[in-house]
Amino acid sequence: QVQLVESGGGLVQPGGSLRLSCSASGNIFSIKFMGWYRQAPGKQRELIAIITTGSTTTYGDSVKGRFTISRDNAKNTVYLQMNSLKPEDTAVYYCNFVSTWDHVYWGQGTQVTVSS
């Protein structure tokens, strides 16, 4: 049974920074994509960032230049460094792993709140 465990969410003031982490436990052999999504109340889940095995990255337009995704393949861990946070970044953030065999895994979600 594969589980994704997220950490690092919380309350931060506008302009501040947070770093999210997501690690996989269990029998997951090879992960081709690691990513982050978020969902705000009343809105659809949106893509934040994806990183491939070769560290090619893709970002959603709303976070380009402010967020950075990275991964540690040896630890099956993905990170999301979030800088210059805005109130509109407030959401539940989910990590997402896609295996080489296209199995999709989701984390439980971690709340990020940007407010003064």
Protein backbone atom coordinates (compact mmCIF):
# COMPACT_ATOMS: atom_id res chain seq x y z
CA GLN A 1 0.00 0.00 0.00
CA VAL A 2 1.52 3.31 -1.11
CA GLN A 3 0.92 6.40 0.99
CA LEU A 4 1.93 9.98 0.37
CA VAL A 5 2.57 12.05 3.47
CA GLU A 6 2.65 15.82 3.19
CA SER A 7 4.05 18.36 5.61
CA GLY A 8 4.88 22.04 5.82
CA GLY A 9 1.55 23.80 5.50
CA GLY A 10 0.37 26.49 7.86
CA LEU A 11 -0.46 30.14 8.30
CA VAL A 12 1.81 32.77 6.77
CA GLN A 13 1.56 36.50 6.17
CA PRO A 14 1.38 37.93 2.65
CA GLY A 15 4.85 38.11 1.15
CA GLY A 16 6.08 35.25 3.29
CA SER A 17 7.39 31.82 2.37
CA LEU A 18 6.58 28.19 3.08
CA ARG A 19 8.12 24.91 2.00
CA LEU A 20 5.95 21.85 1.47
CA SER A 21 7.27 18.30 1.42
CA CYS A 22 5.67 15.07 0.29
CA SER A 23 7.18 11.63 0.76
CA ALA A 24 6.00 8.26 -0.48
CA SER A 25 6.02 5.19 1.73
CA GLY A 26 5.28 1.65 0.67
CA ASN A 27 6.13 -0.32 -2.40
CA ILE A 28 6.44 2.31 -5.10
CA PHE A 29 9.06 1.28 -7.62
CA SER A 30 9.45 4.12 -10.06
CA ILE A 31 7.84 7.53 -10.16
CA LYS A 32 7.86 9.38 -13.47
CA PHE A 33 5.94 12.48 -12.42
CA MET A 34 5.73 14.25 -9.08
CA GLY A 35 3.50 17.23 -8.73
CA TRP A 36 1.54 19.64 -6.61
CA TYR A 37 -2.08 20.73 -7.02
CA ARG A 38 -4.26 22.97 -4.91
CA GLN A 39 -7.94 23.49 -4.32
CA ALA A 40 -9.52 26.57 -2.81
CA PRO A 41 -13.09 26.55 -1.43
CA GLY A 42 -15.62 26.62 -4.24
CA LYS A 43 -12.97 26.19 -6.92
CA GLN A 44 -11.67 23.33 -9.01
CA ARG A 45 -8.40 21.65 -8.25
CA GLU A 46 -5.64 23.34 -10.23
CA LEU A 47 -2.16 22.34 -11.27
CA ILE A 48 0.65 24.13 -9.47
CA ALA A 49 3.77 22.35 -10.67
CA ILE A 50 5.05 19.06 -12.07
CA ILE A 51 8.57 17.66 -12.19
CA THR A 52 9.72 14.67 -14.22
CA THR A 53 12.33 12.06 -13.40
CA GLY A 54 14.82 14.13 -15.37
CA SER A 55 13.84 17.27 -13.42
CA THR A 56 11.99 18.97 -16.24
CA THR A 57 9.46 21.30 -14.62
CA THR A 58 6.11 22.79 -15.57
CA TYR A 59 4.33 25.50 -13.59
CA GLY A 60 0.84 26.90 -13.50
CA ASP A 61 0.65 30.51 -14.67
CA SER A 62 -0.49 31.77 -11.28
CA VAL A 63 2.72 30.65 -9.53
CA LYS A 64 5.43 31.10 -12.15
CA GLY A 65 8.41 32.95 -10.75
CA ARG A 66 7.26 32.51 -7.14
CA PHE A 67 7.12 28.75 -6.56
CA THR A 68 9.84 26.17 -7.18
CA ILE A 69 9.35 22.42 -7.34
CA SER A 70 12.18 19.97 -6.71
CA ARG A 71 12.53 16.26 -6.04
CA ASP A 72 14.83 13.78 -4.32
CA ASN A 73 14.48 10.51 -6.23
CA ALA A 74 16.43 8.53 -3.66
CA LYS A 75 13.95 9.56 -0.97
CA ASN A 76 10.82 9.48 -3.17
CA THR A 77 10.20 13.02 -1.99
CA VAL A 78 8.99 16.15 -3.73
CA TYR A 79 9.25 19.69 -2.40
CA LEU A 80 7.47 22.93 -3.17
CA GLN A 81 9.19 26.16 -2.17
CA MET A 82 6.61 28.93 -2.11
CA ASN A 83 7.81 32.54 -1.98
CA SER A 84 6.03 35.90 -2.20
CA LEU A 85 2.83 34.28 -1.03
CA LYS A 86 -0.47 36.06 -1.69
CA PRO A 87 -3.88 35.68 -0.04
CA GLU A 88 -5.13 34.05 -3.25
CA ASP A 89 -2.63 31.23 -2.69
CA THR A 90 -4.78 30.10 0.23
CA ALA A 91 -5.92 26.54 -0.48
CA VAL A 92 -5.47 22.91 0.38
CA TYR A 93 -2.34 21.67 -1.37
CA TYR A 94 -2.11 18.08 -2.60
CA CYS A 95 0.89 16.17 -3.84
CA ASN A 96 0.51 13.75 -6.71
CA PHE A 97 2.75 10.93 -7.90
CA VAL A 98 2.38 9.03 -11.17
CA SER A 99 4.31 5.78 -11.46
CA THR A 100 5.97 4.35 -14.53
CA TRP A 101 2.91 2.11 -14.92
CA ASP A 102 0.57 5.13 -14.68
CA HIS A 103 -0.64 4.40 -11.18
CA VAL A 104 -1.78 7.68 -9.63
CA TYR A 105 -1.35 8.49 -5.96
CA TRP A 106 -2.55 11.50 -3.97
CA GLY A 107 -1.57 12.92 -0.62
CA GLN A 108 -4.13 13.75 2.04
CA GLY A 109 -3.74 17.50 1.55
CA THR A 110 -2.19 20.21 3.67
CA GLN A 111 -3.76 23.59 4.37
CA VAL A 112 -1.91 26.76 3.38
CA THR A 113 -3.43 30.01 4.60
CA VAL A 114 -2.01 33.38 3.60
CA SER A 115 -3.42 36.14 5.77
CA SER A 116 -2.35 39.11 7.82
